[in-house]
């Protein structure tokens, strides 16, 4: 079929470019599944209590605290102490965090779109 080889090569190049970009994200703060889960949860809520996030993600307090500190250092979340009856810790999504999470998820989605329909034979 004329042109089929060119189409295959274009598709192969597109897949290679997406794979390379995805590999480049491995050092990204959100490449960790727990931190990505925190951000996805926050994208739908904006603010969440530490305790409820711990329960939703089934993490120990120390584990969650470590991931939240990494996100806070990157400027993706702000940790606030809220005093409403009993003191609580609230995790707040920043505008920067929302933009970065949406960008990261978009990159993943675009990569999956490129791969859709591709057959891989290990």
Protein backbone atom coordinates (compact mmCIF):
# COMPACT_ATOMS: atom_id res chain seq x y z
CA UNK A 1 0.00 0.00 0.00
CA UNK A 2 1.58 3.33 -1.04
CA UNK A 3 2.42 5.63 1.82
CA UNK A 4 1.75 3.01 4.51
CA UNK A 5 5.44 2.78 5.36
CA UNK A 6 5.61 6.57 5.82
CA UNK A 7 2.52 6.52 8.04
CA UNK A 8 4.02 3.73 10.15
CA UNK A 9 7.29 5.65 10.50
CA UNK A 10 5.40 8.82 11.49
CA UNK A 11 3.44 6.90 14.11
CA UNK A 12 6.61 5.26 15.38
CA UNK A 13 8.30 8.67 15.63
CA UNK A 14 5.31 10.14 17.47
CA UNK A 15 5.30 7.24 19.95
CA UNK A 16 9.07 7.61 20.48
CA UNK A 17 8.71 11.36 21.11
CA UNK A 18 5.90 10.82 23.63
CA UNK A 19 7.85 8.06 25.37
CA UNK A 20 10.88 10.34 25.61
CA UNK A 21 8.83 13.21 27.04
CA UNK A 22 7.18 10.86 29.50
CA UNK A 23 10.57 9.50 30.58
CA UNK A 24 11.66 13.10 31.12
CA UNK A 25 8.87 13.53 33.65
CA UNK A 26 10.30 10.82 35.93
CA UNK A 27 12.10 13.39 38.05
CA UNK A 28 8.95 15.49 38.30
CA UNK A 29 7.45 15.86 41.77
CA UNK A 30 4.21 14.30 40.49
CA UNK A 31 5.86 11.20 39.05
CA UNK A 32 5.30 9.57 42.44
CA UNK A 33 1.89 7.83 42.47
CA UNK A 34 1.07 8.93 46.03
CA UNK A 35 1.78 12.60 45.30
CA UNK A 36 -0.16 12.37 42.06
CA UNK A 37 -3.07 10.84 44.01
CA UNK A 38 -2.95 13.69 46.52
CA UNK A 39 -3.06 16.24 43.71
CA UNK A 40 -5.89 14.49 41.84
CA UNK A 41 -7.92 14.43 45.04
CA UNK A 42 -7.18 18.10 45.69
CA UNK A 43 -8.05 19.09 42.12
CA UNK A 44 -11.64 18.06 42.80
CA UNK A 45 -11.83 19.71 46.23
CA UNK A 46 -9.28 22.52 46.56
CA UNK A 47 -8.87 21.95 50.29
CA UNK A 48 -8.95 18.79 52.38
CA UNK A 49 -8.18 17.85 55.96
CA UNK A 50 -5.02 15.86 56.60
CA UNK A 51 -7.05 13.14 58.34
CA UNK A 52 -9.55 12.67 55.53
CA UNK A 53 -6.76 12.58 52.93
CA UNK A 54 -4.94 10.00 55.04
CA UNK A 55 -8.06 7.81 55.12
CA UNK A 56 -8.84 8.18 51.41
CA UNK A 57 -5.30 7.27 50.36
CA UNK A 58 -4.83 4.69 53.14
CA UNK A 59 -1.49 6.11 54.27
CA UNK A 60 0.23 6.37 57.62
CA UNK A 61 0.46 9.89 59.04
CA UNK A 62 4.24 9.92 58.58
CA UNK A 63 4.05 8.76 54.97
CA UNK A 64 1.41 11.33 54.06
CA UNK A 65 3.31 14.07 55.90
CA UNK A 66 6.46 13.30 53.91
CA UNK A 67 4.63 13.53 50.57
CA UNK A 68 2.75 16.69 51.58
CA UNK A 69 6.05 18.34 52.59
CA UNK A 70 7.48 17.55 49.14
CA UNK A 71 4.41 19.08 47.48
CA UNK A 72 4.61 22.09 49.79
CA UNK A 73 8.30 22.63 49.01
CA UNK A 74 7.42 22.61 45.28
CA UNK A 75 4.74 25.25 45.91
CA UNK A 76 1.86 22.94 44.91
CA UNK A 77 0.10 22.95 48.28
CA UNK A 78 -0.07 25.04 51.43
CA UNK A 79 -0.46 23.44 54.85
CA UNK A 80 -2.65 25.38 57.26
CA UNK A 81 -3.67 24.83 60.84
CA UNK A 82 -7.38 25.39 61.22
CA UNK A 83 -8.90 25.92 64.64
CA UNK A 84 -12.58 25.12 64.53
CA UNK A 85 -13.32 23.34 67.75
CA UNK A 86 -10.37 20.97 67.64
CA UNK A 87 -7.25 22.06 65.75
CA UNK A 88 -6.96 20.41 62.34
CA UNK A 89 -4.43 20.43 59.56
CA UNK A 90 -5.75 21.44 56.15
CA UNK A 91 -4.00 20.86 52.83
CA UNK A 92 -4.80 23.60 50.31
CA UNK A 93 -4.14 23.34 46.58
CA UNK A 94 -2.30 26.37 45.16
CA UNK A 95 -2.92 27.84 41.71
CA UNK A 96 0.56 26.67 40.72
CA UNK A 97 -0.21 23.18 41.99
CA UNK A 98 -3.45 23.03 40.02
CA UNK A 99 -1.69 24.17 36.83
CA UNK A 100 1.16 21.68 37.25
CA UNK A 101 -1.15 18.77 38.07
CA UNK A 102 -3.35 19.54 35.08
CA UNK A 103 -0.28 19.85 32.83
CA UNK A 104 1.16 16.57 34.10
CA UNK A 105 -2.15 14.75 33.66
CA UNK A 106 -2.56 16.24 30.16
CA UNK A 107 0.89 14.94 29.20
CA UNK A 108 -0.02 11.47 30.45
CA UNK A 109 -3.36 11.60 28.61
CA UNK A 110 -1.71 12.71 25.35
CA UNK A 111 0.82 9.90 25.64
CA UNK A 112 -1.94 7.36 26.13
CA UNK A 113 -3.84 8.81 23.16
CA UNK A 114 -0.79 8.29 20.94
CA UNK A 115 -0.45 4.72 22.15
CA UNK A 116 -4.15 3.94 21.79
CA UNK A 117 -4.63 1.13 19.32
CA UNK A 118 -0.94 0.24 19.30
CA UNK A 119 -0.22 -3.43 19.88
CA UNK A 120 2.78 -4.32 21.98
CA UNK A 121 4.27 -7.77 21.81
CA UNK A 122 6.69 -8.34 24.66
